[in-house]
């Protein structure tokens, strides 16, 4: 924790960043349900996943998926 703090990063922020990265990768596949994405990155409750995703991206996972798939 001290080494992370030396770089201005908290453990929680690092975990969120990694979860967010993996979630975005999975959201690119429309065959994967949102609940499956949430579960695969460590959330038992999809609403907690939605909150974390919205906090980091400014949009819900569903909105992100629609935006990304619409841009492809």
Protein backbone atom coordinates (compact mmCIF):
# COMPACT_ATOMS: atom_id res chain seq x y z
CA UNK A 1 0.00 0.00 0.00
CA UNK A 2 2.88 2.36 0.75
CA UNK A 3 4.47 1.76 -2.66
CA UNK A 4 1.16 2.51 -4.34
CA UNK A 5 0.74 5.63 -2.22
CA UNK A 6 4.21 6.77 -3.29
CA UNK A 7 2.85 6.81 -6.84
CA UNK A 8 -0.40 8.51 -5.86
CA UNK A 9 -2.52 5.38 -6.34
CA UNK A 10 -4.69 3.54 -3.84
CA UNK A 11 -5.28 -0.20 -3.86
CA UNK A 12 -9.00 0.35 -4.43
CA UNK A 13 -8.37 2.62 -7.41
CA UNK A 14 -6.02 0.06 -8.93
CA UNK A 15 -8.57 -2.73 -8.52
CA UNK A 16 -11.30 -0.54 -10.02
CA UNK A 17 -9.08 0.34 -12.98
CA UNK A 18 -8.34 -3.32 -13.73
CA UNK A 19 -11.97 -4.35 -13.32
CA UNK A 20 -13.04 -1.50 -15.59
CA UNK A 21 -10.53 -2.49 -18.27
CA UNK A 22 -11.70 -6.12 -18.27
CA UNK A 23 -15.36 -5.09 -18.21
CA UNK A 24 -14.91 -2.88 -21.30
CA UNK A 25 -13.27 -5.76 -23.16
CA UNK A 26 -16.18 -8.06 -22.36
CA UNK A 27 -18.82 -5.44 -23.15
CA UNK A 28 -17.54 -5.38 -26.73
CA UNK A 29 -19.09 -8.86 -27.14
CA UNK A 30 -22.90 -8.51 -27.25
CA UNK A 31 -23.30 -12.24 -26.56
CA UNK A 32 -22.03 -11.76 -22.98
CA UNK A 33 -24.80 -10.68 -20.62
CA UNK A 34 -24.20 -7.76 -18.27
CA UNK A 35 -24.68 -10.02 -15.25
CA UNK A 36 -21.98 -12.35 -16.60
CA UNK A 37 -19.60 -9.43 -17.06
CA UNK A 38 -20.27 -8.25 -13.50
CA UNK A 39 -19.74 -11.74 -12.10
CA UNK A 40 -16.55 -12.35 -14.07
CA UNK A 41 -14.85 -9.27 -12.64
CA UNK A 42 -15.80 -9.99 -9.05
CA UNK A 43 -19.22 -8.43 -8.48
CA UNK A 44 -21.96 -10.63 -7.05
CA UNK A 45 -24.48 -7.85 -7.50
CA UNK A 46 -24.95 -6.23 -10.90
CA UNK A 47 -26.06 -2.94 -9.35
CA UNK A 48 -22.66 -2.54 -7.66
CA UNK A 49 -20.99 -3.22 -10.99
CA UNK A 50 -23.24 -0.62 -12.66
CA UNK A 51 -22.32 1.98 -10.02
CA UNK A 52 -18.58 1.34 -10.38
CA UNK A 53 -18.79 1.45 -14.17
CA UNK A 54 -20.82 4.67 -14.20
CA UNK A 55 -18.42 6.31 -11.73
CA UNK A 56 -15.43 5.54 -13.98
CA UNK A 57 -16.97 6.09 -17.41
CA UNK A 58 -19.84 8.50 -16.89
CA UNK A 59 -22.31 6.03 -18.43
CA UNK A 60 -23.92 2.74 -17.54
CA UNK A 61 -22.49 -0.52 -18.92
CA UNK A 62 -25.53 -0.82 -21.18
CA UNK A 63 -25.07 2.72 -22.50
CA UNK A 64 -21.37 2.02 -23.06
CA UNK A 65 -22.17 -1.15 -24.97
CA UNK A 66 -24.73 0.62 -27.18
CA UNK A 67 -22.30 3.48 -27.84
CA UNK A 68 -19.38 1.17 -28.72
CA UNK A 69 -21.40 -1.25 -30.83
CA UNK A 70 -23.08 1.64 -32.61
CA UNK A 71 -19.69 3.13 -33.48
CA UNK A 72 -18.41 -0.13 -34.98
